Amino acid sequence: MKVLVTGAAGFIGQHVMAALAARGHTGAAYDRPHDVCDAGELDFACRYAHAEAIINLAGVLGTPELLGAERRAAGVNILGAVAVYDVAAYFRIPVVQIGTGHKGQPNPYAITKACAEDLGLARARWLGEKITVVRAYHVYGPGQLPGPPHGPASVHKFFPTFACRALTGLPLELHGGGSQHAPRSVEKKPARRTASRPGAIGRTDLVVHRYSPVN
């Protein structure tokens, strides 16, 4: 199967491309400077790649980083997903939409990703479109870059930040009493699940998996 992968240059995207290749599929990367919100560009990319499915990993990341930047988050995370759904519907090909394990939390990333997820599942239910959501928690693994001052990433992800602070002797910041558990998912599990789902219709796959005490 030939699969167009938006956000292919990102952390999860690189692992999804590898998982597709391991299954004998051909992944076609779609990332910056291409615009996931531009249906014309997506249409051309699908035609050029002879895409038989789309995996949409494109998105604006961040938790506190997106407070005050809600317009940008909604533009990519919601309207970009809708553009993918529209183009996939035109070509009658399935979509795998990456969701968020933080659905229901009061921050712009969780809200906008949840909206894209719900819109996709509504279209699958009422229009019969082949849209599947894969939702993962705290994905981490090789290739994930830490944010400042430890690395060049624009956002602080939990595990790289925590590990870098621990390894360099900096104070570890915890919220809560320190006895709560944080679900996490090694990068290969959501990548494999995502790569294996293009043919499913209107379902949500939850990728979580070991729980670790944060203390």
N, C-alpha and C. Protein backbone atom coordinates (compact mmCIF):
# COMPACT_ATOMS: atom_id res chain seq x y z
N MET A 1 0.84 -1.19 0.00
CA MET A 1 0.00 0.00 0.00
C MET A 1 0.88 1.24 0.00
N LYS A 2 0.49 2.25 -0.76
CA LYS A 2 1.19 3.53 -0.79
C LYS A 2 0.46 4.50 0.12
N VAL A 3 1.19 5.05 1.11
CA VAL A 3 0.57 5.83 2.17
C VAL A 3 1.21 7.21 2.25
N LEU A 4 0.40 8.26 2.15
CA LEU A 4 0.89 9.62 2.37
C LEU A 4 0.92 9.88 3.87
N VAL A 5 2.08 10.30 4.39
CA VAL A 5 2.24 10.53 5.82
C VAL A 5 2.51 12.02 6.05
N THR A 6 1.53 12.73 6.58
CA THR A 6 1.76 14.13 6.93
C THR A 6 2.49 14.19 8.26
N GLY A 7 3.37 15.18 8.40
CA GLY A 7 4.17 15.25 9.61
C GLY A 7 5.21 14.15 9.69
N ALA A 8 5.66 13.67 8.53
CA ALA A 8 6.57 12.52 8.48
C ALA A 8 7.94 12.81 9.06
N ALA A 9 8.33 14.09 9.12
CA ALA A 9 9.66 14.43 9.63
C ALA A 9 9.70 14.51 11.15
N GLY A 10 8.54 14.43 11.80
CA GLY A 10 8.48 14.53 13.24
C GLY A 10 8.92 13.26 13.94
N PHE A 11 8.91 13.31 15.26
CA PHE A 11 9.36 12.18 16.07
C PHE A 11 8.55 10.91 15.79
N ILE A 12 7.23 10.99 15.92
CA ILE A 12 6.40 9.82 15.64
C ILE A 12 6.42 9.51 14.15
N GLY A 13 6.44 10.55 13.31
CA GLY A 13 6.41 10.37 11.86
C GLY A 13 7.57 9.51 11.36
N GLN A 14 8.76 9.73 11.88
CA GLN A 14 9.91 8.95 11.45
C GLN A 14 9.73 7.47 11.79
N HIS A 15 9.16 7.20 12.96
CA HIS A 15 8.95 5.81 13.36
C HIS A 15 7.81 5.18 12.57
N VAL A 16 6.80 5.97 12.21
CA VAL A 16 5.70 5.45 11.39
C VAL A 16 6.22 5.10 9.99
N MET A 17 7.06 5.95 9.43
CA MET A 17 7.63 5.66 8.11
C MET A 17 8.41 4.34 8.15
N ALA A 18 9.17 4.14 9.23
CA ALA A 18 9.93 2.89 9.37
C ALA A 18 9.00 1.70 9.54
N ALA A 19 7.92 1.89 10.30
CA ALA A 19 6.97 0.79 10.52
C ALA A 19 6.25 0.43 9.22
N LEU A 20 5.93 1.42 8.41
CA LEU A 20 5.30 1.15 7.12
C LEU A 20 6.24 0.33 6.23
N ALA A 21 7.50 0.75 6.17
CA ALA A 21 8.47 0.03 5.34
C ALA A 21 8.64 -1.40 5.82
N ALA A 22 8.63 -1.60 7.14
CA ALA A 22 8.79 -2.95 7.70
C ALA A 22 7.63 -3.85 7.31
N ARG A 23 6.47 -3.25 7.02
CA ARG A 23 5.30 -4.02 6.61
C ARG A 23 5.16 -4.14 5.10
N GLY A 24 6.15 -3.64 4.39
CA GLY A 24 6.12 -3.73 2.93
C GLY A 24 5.33 -2.63 2.25
N HIS A 25 4.93 -1.59 3.00
CA HIS A 25 4.21 -0.46 2.43
C HIS A 25 5.20 0.61 1.97
N THR A 26 4.73 1.53 1.16
CA THR A 26 5.55 2.65 0.70
C THR A 26 5.02 3.94 1.32
N GLY A 27 5.82 4.57 2.17
CA GLY A 27 5.42 5.82 2.79
C GLY A 27 5.91 7.00 1.98
N ALA A 28 5.02 7.95 1.71
CA ALA A 28 5.38 9.19 1.01
C ALA A 28 5.30 10.33 2.02
N ALA A 29 6.44 10.98 2.27
CA ALA A 29 6.51 12.01 3.30
C ALA A 29 5.89 13.31 2.82
N TYR A 30 5.09 13.92 3.70
CA TYR A 30 4.48 15.24 3.44
C TYR A 30 4.71 16.07 4.70
N ASP A 31 5.60 17.05 4.60
CA ASP A 31 5.95 17.85 5.77
C ASP A 31 6.32 19.25 5.29
N ARG A 32 6.71 20.10 6.24
CA ARG A 32 7.11 21.46 5.86
C ARG A 32 8.17 21.42 4.76
N PRO A 33 8.11 22.35 3.80
CA PRO A 33 7.29 23.55 3.74
C PRO A 33 5.87 23.33 3.21
N HIS A 34 5.48 22.11 2.94
CA HIS A 34 4.11 21.87 2.48
C HIS A 34 3.13 22.14 3.61
N ASP A 35 1.93 22.58 3.26
CA ASP A 35 0.94 23.03 4.22
C ASP A 35 -0.20 22.02 4.30
N VAL A 36 -0.39 21.43 5.49
CA VAL A 36 -1.45 20.43 5.64
C VAL A 36 -2.83 21.06 5.52
N CYS A 37 -2.93 22.38 5.68
CA CYS A 37 -4.22 23.05 5.55
C CYS A 37 -4.58 23.34 4.11
N ASP A 38 -3.65 23.15 3.19
CA ASP A 38 -3.87 23.45 1.78
C ASP A 38 -4.36 22.19 1.06
N ALA A 39 -5.66 22.14 0.83
CA ALA A 39 -6.24 20.95 0.19
C ALA A 39 -5.69 20.73 -1.21
N GLY A 40 -5.34 21.82 -1.90
CA GLY A 40 -4.76 21.70 -3.24
C GLY A 40 -3.41 21.01 -3.20
N GLU A 41 -2.59 21.38 -2.24
CA GLU A 41 -1.28 20.73 -2.10
C GLU A 41 -1.45 19.25 -1.72
N LEU A 42 -2.38 18.99 -0.81
CA LEU A 42 -2.63 17.60 -0.41
C LEU A 42 -3.13 16.76 -1.58
N ASP A 43 -4.01 17.36 -2.37
CA ASP A 43 -4.54 16.67 -3.55
C ASP A 43 -3.41 16.29 -4.50
N PHE A 44 -2.52 17.28 -4.76
CA PHE A 44 -1.39 17.02 -5.66
C PHE A 44 -0.48 15.94 -5.09
N ALA A 45 -0.22 16.01 -3.78
CA ALA A 45 0.67 15.02 -3.16
C ALA A 45 0.08 13.61 -3.25
N CYS A 46 -1.23 13.50 -3.06
CA CYS A 46 -1.87 12.19 -3.17
C CYS A 46 -1.78 11.65 -4.59
N ARG A 47 -2.01 12.52 -5.56
CA ARG A 47 -1.92 12.09 -6.96
C ARG A 47 -0.50 11.67 -7.30
N TYR A 48 0.47 12.49 -6.89
CA TYR A 48 1.88 12.23 -7.22
C TYR A 48 2.35 10.91 -6.60
N ALA A 49 1.90 10.65 -5.35
CA ALA A 49 2.34 9.44 -4.65
C ALA A 49 1.46 8.23 -4.96
N HIS A 50 0.37 8.45 -5.72
CA HIS A 50 -0.62 7.39 -5.95
C HIS A 50 -1.08 6.82 -4.61
N ALA A 51 -1.37 7.73 -3.67
CA ALA A 51 -1.68 7.32 -2.30
C ALA A 51 -2.95 6.50 -2.23
N GLU A 52 -2.87 5.45 -1.44
CA GLU A 52 -4.02 4.59 -1.18
C GLU A 52 -4.54 4.78 0.25
N ALA A 53 -3.86 5.62 1.02
CA ALA A 53 -4.28 5.94 2.39
C ALA A 53 -3.47 7.16 2.84
N ILE A 54 -3.98 7.83 3.87
CA ILE A 54 -3.27 8.96 4.47
C ILE A 54 -3.17 8.72 5.97
N ILE A 55 -1.98 8.92 6.51
CA ILE A 55 -1.79 8.96 7.96
C ILE A 55 -1.48 10.41 8.33
N ASN A 56 -2.35 11.03 9.13
CA ASN A 56 -2.19 12.45 9.46
C ASN A 56 -1.56 12.62 10.84
N LEU A 57 -0.28 12.95 10.84
CA LEU A 57 0.47 13.21 12.06
C LEU A 57 0.81 14.68 12.22
N ALA A 58 0.44 15.50 11.24
CA ALA A 58 0.78 16.92 11.28
C ALA A 58 0.06 17.60 12.44
N GLY A 59 0.74 18.51 13.09
CA GLY A 59 0.10 19.21 14.19
C GLY A 59 1.03 20.22 14.82
N VAL A 60 0.42 21.16 15.54
CA VAL A 60 1.18 22.12 16.35
C VAL A 60 1.20 21.59 17.77
N LEU A 61 2.40 21.38 18.31
CA LEU A 61 2.56 20.77 19.62
C LEU A 61 2.73 21.83 20.70
N GLY A 62 2.54 21.40 21.93
CA GLY A 62 2.79 22.28 23.06
C GLY A 62 1.64 22.24 24.04
N THR A 63 1.94 22.49 25.29
CA THR A 63 0.89 22.60 26.30
C THR A 63 0.86 24.04 26.80
N PRO A 64 1.77 24.47 27.68
CA PRO A 64 1.76 25.90 28.01
C PRO A 64 2.20 26.76 26.83
N GLU A 65 2.98 26.15 25.91
CA GLU A 65 3.48 26.91 24.76
C GLU A 65 2.37 27.43 23.86
N LEU A 66 1.20 26.78 23.89
CA LEU A 66 0.11 27.17 22.98
C LEU A 66 -0.92 28.08 23.64
N LEU A 67 -0.76 28.36 24.91
CA LEU A 67 -1.67 29.32 25.54
C LEU A 67 -1.39 30.71 24.97
N GLY A 68 -2.40 31.31 24.39
CA GLY A 68 -2.22 32.57 23.67
C GLY A 68 -1.97 32.39 22.19
N ALA A 69 -1.76 31.12 21.76
CA ALA A 69 -1.54 30.82 20.34
C ALA A 69 -2.62 29.87 19.85
N GLU A 70 -3.83 30.04 20.37
CA GLU A 70 -4.92 29.14 20.05
C GLU A 70 -5.30 29.17 18.57
N ARG A 71 -5.20 30.34 17.95
CA ARG A 71 -5.55 30.44 16.52
C ARG A 71 -4.63 29.56 15.67
N ARG A 72 -3.33 29.59 15.98
CA ARG A 72 -2.38 28.77 15.23
C ARG A 72 -2.64 27.28 15.49
N ALA A 73 -2.91 26.94 16.75
CA ALA A 73 -3.18 25.54 17.08
C ALA A 73 -4.42 25.03 16.36
N ALA A 74 -5.49 25.84 16.38
CA ALA A 74 -6.74 25.43 15.73
C ALA A 74 -6.56 25.35 14.22
N GLY A 75 -5.77 26.28 13.67
CA GLY A 75 -5.57 26.30 12.22
C GLY A 75 -4.96 25.03 11.69
N VAL A 76 -3.96 24.51 12.40
CA VAL A 76 -3.29 23.29 11.93
C VAL A 76 -3.98 22.04 12.47
N ASN A 77 -4.22 22.00 13.76
CA ASN A 77 -4.72 20.77 14.37
C ASN A 77 -6.15 20.43 13.96
N ILE A 78 -6.98 21.45 13.74
CA ILE A 78 -8.36 21.20 13.34
C ILE A 78 -8.53 21.33 11.83
N LEU A 79 -8.22 22.51 11.29
CA LEU A 79 -8.46 22.73 9.86
C LEU A 79 -7.55 21.88 8.99
N GLY A 80 -6.34 21.60 9.47
CA GLY A 80 -5.46 20.70 8.73
C GLY A 80 -6.04 19.30 8.65
N ALA A 81 -6.59 18.83 9.77
CA ALA A 81 -7.22 17.50 9.78
C ALA A 81 -8.43 17.46 8.85
N VAL A 82 -9.23 18.54 8.87
CA VAL A 82 -10.40 18.59 7.99
C VAL A 82 -9.98 18.56 6.52
N ALA A 83 -8.89 19.26 6.19
CA ALA A 83 -8.39 19.23 4.81
C ALA A 83 -7.99 17.81 4.42
N VAL A 84 -7.35 17.10 5.35
CA VAL A 84 -6.98 15.70 5.08
C VAL A 84 -8.23 14.85 4.87
N TYR A 85 -9.23 15.02 5.72
CA TYR A 85 -10.47 14.26 5.57
C TYR A 85 -11.14 14.54 4.22
N ASP A 86 -11.14 15.81 3.83
CA ASP A 86 -11.79 16.19 2.56
C ASP A 86 -11.09 15.55 1.36
N VAL A 87 -9.77 15.61 1.37
CA VAL A 87 -9.01 15.05 0.24
C VAL A 87 -9.15 13.52 0.23
N ALA A 88 -9.08 12.91 1.39
CA ALA A 88 -9.25 11.45 1.45
C ALA A 88 -10.63 11.04 0.97
N ALA A 89 -11.65 11.82 1.33
CA ALA A 89 -13.02 11.51 0.89
C ALA A 89 -13.12 11.63 -0.63
N TYR A 90 -12.45 12.62 -1.20
CA TYR A 90 -12.49 12.80 -2.65
C TYR A 90 -11.88 11.58 -3.36
N PHE A 91 -10.76 11.09 -2.83
CA PHE A 91 -10.10 9.94 -3.46
C PHE A 91 -10.66 8.61 -2.95
N ARG A 92 -11.55 8.68 -1.97
CA ARG A 92 -12.14 7.46 -1.37
C ARG A 92 -11.08 6.54 -0.79
N ILE A 93 -10.17 7.15 -0.03
CA ILE A 93 -9.11 6.38 0.62
C ILE A 93 -9.21 6.57 2.13
N PRO A 94 -8.72 5.62 2.92
CA PRO A 94 -8.82 5.72 4.38
C PRO A 94 -7.82 6.69 4.99
N VAL A 95 -8.14 7.13 6.19
CA VAL A 95 -7.29 8.05 6.96
C VAL A 95 -7.05 7.45 8.34
N VAL A 96 -5.82 7.58 8.83
CA VAL A 96 -5.53 7.35 10.24
C VAL A 96 -5.16 8.71 10.83
N GLN A 97 -5.92 9.16 11.82
CA GLN A 97 -5.70 10.45 12.48
C GLN A 97 -5.06 10.21 13.83
N ILE A 98 -3.93 10.87 14.08
CA ILE A 98 -3.31 10.74 15.39
C ILE A 98 -4.08 11.61 16.37
N GLY A 99 -4.52 11.01 17.47
CA GLY A 99 -5.24 11.76 18.49
C GLY A 99 -4.33 12.12 19.64
N THR A 100 -4.90 12.48 20.76
CA THR A 100 -4.12 12.81 21.95
C THR A 100 -4.60 11.99 23.13
N GLY A 101 -3.65 11.52 23.90
CA GLY A 101 -4.00 10.81 25.12
C GLY A 101 -4.50 11.73 26.21
N HIS A 102 -4.42 13.04 25.98
CA HIS A 102 -4.80 14.02 26.99
C HIS A 102 -6.16 14.62 26.71
N LYS A 103 -6.99 13.90 25.99
CA LYS A 103 -8.32 14.41 25.66
C LYS A 103 -9.08 14.76 26.93
N GLY A 104 -9.68 15.94 26.93
CA GLY A 104 -10.44 16.40 28.09
C GLY A 104 -9.67 17.35 28.97
N GLN A 105 -8.36 17.49 28.74
CA GLN A 105 -7.59 18.43 29.54
C GLN A 105 -7.78 19.85 29.02
N PRO A 106 -7.74 20.86 29.90
CA PRO A 106 -8.02 22.25 29.49
C PRO A 106 -6.80 22.97 28.95
N ASN A 107 -6.29 22.53 27.81
CA ASN A 107 -5.20 23.26 27.16
C ASN A 107 -5.43 23.22 25.65
N PRO A 108 -4.86 24.19 24.90
CA PRO A 108 -5.17 24.31 23.47
C PRO A 108 -4.83 23.06 22.66
N TYR A 109 -3.73 22.38 23.00
CA TYR A 109 -3.37 21.19 22.23
C TYR A 109 -4.42 20.10 22.39
N ALA A 110 -4.76 19.77 23.63
CA ALA A 110 -5.73 18.71 23.88
C ALA A 110 -7.09 19.04 23.28
N ILE A 111 -7.49 20.30 23.39
CA ILE A 111 -8.81 20.71 22.88
C ILE A 111 -8.87 20.63 21.37
N THR A 112 -7.83 21.13 20.69
CA THR A 112 -7.87 21.15 19.22
C THR A 112 -7.70 19.75 18.64
N LYS A 113 -6.84 18.94 19.25
CA LYS A 113 -6.68 17.56 18.75
C LYS A 113 -7.95 16.74 19.00
N ALA A 114 -8.60 16.97 20.13
CA ALA A 114 -9.85 16.26 20.42
C ALA A 114 -10.93 16.65 19.42
N CYS A 115 -10.98 17.92 19.04
CA CYS A 115 -11.95 18.37 18.05
C CYS A 115 -11.73 17.68 16.72
N ALA A 116 -10.47 17.62 16.28
CA ALA A 116 -10.17 16.94 15.01
C ALA A 116 -10.55 15.47 15.07
N GLU A 117 -10.28 14.85 16.21
CA GLU A 117 -10.62 13.44 16.40
C GLU A 117 -12.14 13.23 16.31
N ASP A 118 -12.89 14.07 17.03
CA ASP A 118 -14.35 13.92 17.05
C ASP A 118 -14.97 14.19 15.68
N LEU A 119 -14.43 15.17 14.96
CA LEU A 119 -14.94 15.44 13.62
C LEU A 119 -14.70 14.25 12.69
N GLY A 120 -13.52 13.64 12.80
CA GLY A 120 -13.22 12.48 11.97
C GLY A 120 -14.13 11.31 12.27
N LEU A 121 -14.36 11.04 13.56
CA LEU A 121 -15.22 9.92 13.93
C LEU A 121 -16.68 10.20 13.57
N ALA A 122 -17.09 11.47 13.62
CA ALA A 122 -18.45 11.82 13.18
C ALA A 122 -18.62 11.58 11.69
N ARG A 123 -17.61 11.95 10.92
CA ARG A 123 -17.68 11.71 9.47
C ARG A 123 -17.69 10.22 9.17
N ALA A 124 -16.91 9.46 9.94
CA ALA A 124 -16.91 8.00 9.75
C ALA A 124 -18.29 7.42 10.06
N ARG A 125 -18.90 7.91 11.11
CA ARG A 125 -20.20 7.36 11.53
C ARG A 125 -21.32 7.75 10.58
N TRP A 126 -21.38 9.03 10.20
CA TRP A 126 -22.54 9.52 9.47
C TRP A 126 -22.33 9.53 7.95
N LEU A 127 -21.08 9.60 7.51
CA LEU A 127 -20.82 9.64 6.06
C LEU A 127 -20.17 8.35 5.55
N GLY A 128 -19.82 7.46 6.46
CA GLY A 128 -19.20 6.21 6.04
C GLY A 128 -17.76 6.33 5.60
N GLU A 129 -17.10 7.46 5.94
CA GLU A 129 -15.70 7.63 5.55
C GLU A 129 -14.81 6.74 6.41
N LYS A 130 -13.72 6.29 5.83
CA LYS A 130 -12.81 5.37 6.52
C LYS A 130 -11.79 6.17 7.32
N ILE A 131 -12.17 6.53 8.53
CA ILE A 131 -11.32 7.34 9.40
C ILE A 131 -11.14 6.62 10.73
N THR A 132 -9.90 6.39 11.10
CA THR A 132 -9.55 5.74 12.36
C THR A 132 -8.70 6.69 13.18
N VAL A 133 -8.89 6.68 14.49
CA VAL A 133 -8.08 7.50 15.39
C VAL A 133 -7.18 6.59 16.21
N VAL A 134 -5.91 6.93 16.27
CA VAL A 134 -4.97 6.26 17.17
C VAL A 134 -4.56 7.29 18.22
N ARG A 135 -4.81 6.94 19.47
CA ARG A 135 -4.57 7.88 20.58
C ARG A 135 -3.50 7.29 21.49
N ALA A 136 -2.40 8.02 21.68
CA ALA A 136 -1.29 7.52 22.48
C ALA A 136 -0.98 8.48 23.63
N TYR A 137 -0.42 7.91 24.69
CA TYR A 137 -0.06 8.70 25.87
C TYR A 137 1.46 8.79 25.99
N HIS A 138 1.95 10.01 26.21
CA HIS A 138 3.36 10.22 26.55
C HIS A 138 4.31 9.35 25.74
N VAL A 139 4.27 9.49 24.44
CA VAL A 139 5.14 8.68 23.58
C VAL A 139 6.58 9.16 23.75
N TYR A 140 7.49 8.23 23.89
CA TYR A 140 8.90 8.60 24.05
C TYR A 140 9.76 7.54 23.39
N GLY A 141 11.03 7.87 23.15
CA GLY A 141 11.94 6.89 22.57
C GLY A 141 13.06 7.56 21.80
N PRO A 142 13.86 6.75 21.09
CA PRO A 142 14.99 7.28 20.32
C PRO A 142 14.55 8.33 19.30
N GLY A 143 15.30 9.40 19.21
CA GLY A 143 15.01 10.44 18.24
C GLY A 143 14.16 11.57 18.78
N GLN A 144 13.67 11.44 20.01
CA GLN A 144 12.86 12.51 20.60
C GLN A 144 13.79 13.54 21.21
N LEU A 145 13.69 14.78 20.77
CA LEU A 145 14.61 15.82 21.20
C LEU A 145 14.06 16.57 22.42
N PRO A 146 14.93 16.92 23.36
CA PRO A 146 14.50 17.73 24.50
C PRO A 146 14.45 19.20 24.13
N GLY A 147 13.73 19.96 24.92
CA GLY A 147 13.66 21.41 24.72
C GLY A 147 14.77 22.12 25.48
N PRO A 148 14.82 23.46 25.36
CA PRO A 148 15.85 24.25 26.03
C PRO A 148 15.82 24.03 27.55
N PRO A 149 16.98 24.08 28.21
CA PRO A 149 18.31 24.36 27.66
C PRO A 149 19.05 23.11 27.20
N HIS A 150 18.39 21.98 27.15
CA HIS A 150 19.06 20.71 26.87
C HIS A 150 19.09 20.35 25.40
N GLY A 151 18.20 20.92 24.60
CA GLY A 151 18.12 20.55 23.19
C GLY A 151 17.32 21.56 22.40
N PRO A 152 17.17 21.31 21.09
CA PRO A 152 16.59 22.30 20.19
C PRO A 152 15.08 22.24 20.02
N ALA A 153 14.39 21.29 20.68
CA ALA A 153 12.95 21.18 20.48
C ALA A 153 12.24 22.45 20.94
N SER A 154 11.16 22.79 20.26
CA SER A 154 10.44 24.02 20.59
C SER A 154 9.48 23.85 21.76
N VAL A 155 9.19 22.60 22.13
CA VAL A 155 8.30 22.34 23.26
C VAL A 155 8.98 21.37 24.21
N HIS A 156 8.54 21.42 25.45
CA HIS A 156 9.08 20.52 26.47
C HIS A 156 8.19 19.30 26.59
N LYS A 157 8.72 18.15 26.21
CA LYS A 157 8.00 16.90 26.37
C LYS A 157 8.42 16.28 27.71
N PHE A 158 7.49 15.56 28.32
CA PHE A 158 7.68 15.13 29.70
C PHE A 158 8.94 14.28 29.91
N PHE A 159 9.08 13.19 29.16
CA PHE A 159 10.17 12.26 29.45
C PHE A 159 11.55 12.82 29.10
N PRO A 160 11.75 13.44 27.93
CA PRO A 160 13.08 14.01 27.66
C PRO A 160 13.45 15.09 28.67
N THR A 161 12.49 15.93 29.04
CA THR A 161 12.80 16.99 30.00
C THR A 161 13.15 16.42 31.37
N PHE A 162 12.35 15.48 31.82
CA PHE A 162 12.58 14.86 33.13
C PHE A 162 13.93 14.16 33.16
N ALA A 163 14.23 13.40 32.10
CA ALA A 163 15.49 12.65 32.05
C ALA A 163 16.69 13.59 32.02
N CYS A 164 16.62 14.62 31.20
CA CYS A 164 17.76 15.56 31.09
C CYS A 164 18.00 16.28 32.41
N ARG A 165 16.93 16.68 33.07
CA ARG A 165 17.11 17.37 34.36
C ARG A 165 17.71 16.41 35.39
N ALA A 166 17.26 15.16 35.38
CA ALA A 166 17.81 14.19 36.33
C ALA A 166 19.29 13.92 36.06
N LEU A 167 19.65 13.77 34.78
CA LEU A 167 21.02 13.43 34.42
C LEU A 167 22.00 14.58 34.64
N THR A 168 21.49 15.82 34.64
CA THR A 168 22.36 16.98 34.81
C THR A 168 22.29 17.56 36.22
N GLY A 169 21.56 16.90 37.09
CA GLY A 169 21.52 17.33 38.49
C GLY A 169 20.63 18.51 38.77
N LEU A 170 19.74 18.85 37.84
CA LEU A 170 18.83 19.96 38.07
C LEU A 170 17.62 19.50 38.88
N PRO A 171 16.95 20.42 39.56
CA PRO A 171 15.76 20.04 40.33
C PRO A 171 14.69 19.43 39.43
N LEU A 172 13.99 18.43 39.94
CA LEU A 172 12.92 17.79 39.20
C LEU A 172 11.60 18.40 39.64
N GLU A 173 10.86 18.93 38.66
CA GLU A 173 9.59 19.59 38.96
C GLU A 173 8.46 18.58 38.88
N LEU A 174 7.72 18.44 39.96
CA LEU A 174 6.59 17.53 40.01
C LEU A 174 5.32 18.31 40.35
N HIS A 175 4.21 17.89 39.78
CA HIS A 175 2.92 18.47 40.12
C HIS A 175 2.12 17.42 40.88
N GLY A 176 1.53 17.80 41.98
CA GLY A 176 0.82 16.83 42.80
C GLY A 176 1.72 16.37 43.93
N GLY A 177 1.36 15.28 44.55
CA GLY A 177 2.10 14.81 45.71
C GLY A 177 3.29 13.94 45.40
N GLY A 178 3.50 13.60 44.12
CA GLY A 178 4.64 12.77 43.76
C GLY A 178 4.34 11.29 43.73
N SER A 179 3.13 10.91 44.12
CA SER A 179 2.78 9.48 44.14
C SER A 179 1.88 9.09 42.98
N GLN A 180 1.51 10.08 42.14
CA GLN A 180 0.64 9.77 41.00
C GLN A 180 1.39 8.98 39.94
N HIS A 181 0.65 8.37 39.03
CA HIS A 181 1.23 7.55 37.98
C HIS A 181 1.07 8.23 36.64
N ALA A 182 2.07 8.07 35.79
CA ALA A 182 2.03 8.65 34.45
C ALA A 182 2.06 7.53 33.42
N PRO A 183 1.01 7.41 32.58
CA PRO A 183 1.05 6.40 31.52
C PRO A 183 2.06 6.80 30.47
N ARG A 184 2.73 5.83 29.87
CA ARG A 184 3.70 6.15 28.84
C ARG A 184 3.64 5.09 27.76
N SER A 185 4.15 5.42 26.59
CA SER A 185 4.10 4.50 25.47
C SER A 185 5.39 4.61 24.67
N VAL A 186 6.12 3.50 24.55
CA VAL A 186 7.35 3.51 23.77
C VAL A 186 7.00 3.74 22.31
N GLU A 187 7.84 4.50 21.61
CA GLU A 187 7.48 4.98 20.27
C GLU A 187 7.10 3.89 19.30
N LYS A 188 7.67 2.69 19.43
CA LYS A 188 7.40 1.64 18.45
C LYS A 188 5.96 1.15 18.51
N LYS A 189 5.34 1.20 19.69
CA LYS A 189 3.98 0.69 19.81
C LYS A 189 2.98 1.56 19.05
N PRO A 190 2.92 2.90 19.28
CA PRO A 190 2.00 3.70 18.47
C PRO A 190 2.36 3.73 17.00
N ALA A 191 3.65 3.65 16.68
CA ALA A 191 4.05 3.64 15.27
C ALA A 191 3.54 2.39 14.57
N ARG A 192 3.69 1.24 15.22
CA ARG A 192 3.19 0.00 14.63
C ARG A 192 1.67 0.01 14.53
N ARG A 193 1.00 0.49 15.59
CA ARG A 193 -0.46 0.53 15.57
C ARG A 193 -0.96 1.46 14.47
N THR A 194 -0.32 2.61 14.33
CA THR A 194 -0.72 3.57 13.30
C THR A 194 -0.51 2.99 11.91
N ALA A 195 0.63 2.35 11.70
CA ALA A 195 0.95 1.81 10.38
C ALA A 195 0.04 0.66 9.98
N SER A 196 -0.60 0.03 10.95
CA SER A 196 -1.42 -1.13 10.64
C SER A 196 -2.91 -0.82 10.55
N ARG A 197 -3.31 0.47 10.65
CA ARG A 197 -4.72 0.80 10.75
C ARG A 197 -5.36 1.47 9.54
N PRO A 198 -4.72 1.68 8.39
CA PRO A 198 -5.37 2.44 7.33
C PRO A 198 -6.70 1.89 6.84
N GLY A 199 -6.96 0.61 6.99
CA GLY A 199 -8.20 0.07 6.45
C GLY A 199 -9.37 0.07 7.40
N ALA A 200 -9.15 0.49 8.66
CA ALA A 200 -10.24 0.44 9.64
C ALA A 200 -11.19 1.61 9.44
N ILE A 201 -12.40 1.49 9.97
CA ILE A 201 -13.41 2.52 9.79
C ILE A 201 -13.95 2.95 11.15
N GLY A 202 -13.89 4.26 11.40
CA GLY A 202 -14.60 4.85 12.52
C GLY A 202 -14.33 4.24 13.87
N ARG A 203 -13.09 4.04 14.22
CA ARG A 203 -12.78 3.47 15.52
C ARG A 203 -11.66 4.25 16.18
N THR A 204 -11.56 4.11 17.47
CA THR A 204 -10.48 4.72 18.22
C THR A 204 -9.63 3.62 18.82
N ASP A 205 -8.32 3.66 18.57
CA ASP A 205 -7.39 2.74 19.19
C ASP A 205 -6.61 3.49 20.25
N LEU A 206 -6.60 2.95 21.46
CA LEU A 206 -5.93 3.59 22.57
C LEU A 206 -4.59 2.89 22.80
N VAL A 207 -3.51 3.67 22.71
CA VAL A 207 -2.17 3.09 22.89
C VAL A 207 -1.60 3.66 24.19
N VAL A 208 -1.62 2.86 25.25
CA VAL A 208 -1.11 3.35 26.50
C VAL A 208 -0.20 2.24 26.94
N HIS A 209 0.90 2.54 28.02
CA HIS A 209 0.80 1.18 28.41
C HIS A 209 1.45 0.87 29.62
N ARG A 210 2.48 1.01 29.87
CA ARG A 210 2.85 0.77 31.23
C ARG A 210 2.60 2.02 32.03
N TYR A 211 2.22 1.82 33.31
CA TYR A 211 2.09 2.95 34.20
C TYR A 211 3.32 3.02 35.09
N SER A 212 3.88 4.21 35.24
CA SER A 212 5.09 4.37 36.04
C SER A 212 4.85 5.43 37.12
N PRO A 213 5.24 5.14 38.36
CA PRO A 213 5.14 6.19 39.36
C PRO A 213 6.10 7.31 39.02
N VAL A 214 5.65 8.57 39.14
CA VAL A 214 6.52 9.68 38.76
C VAL A 214 7.56 9.97 39.84
N ASN A 215 7.42 9.41 41.02
CA ASN A 215 8.42 9.65 42.03
C ASN A 215 9.56 8.65 41.92
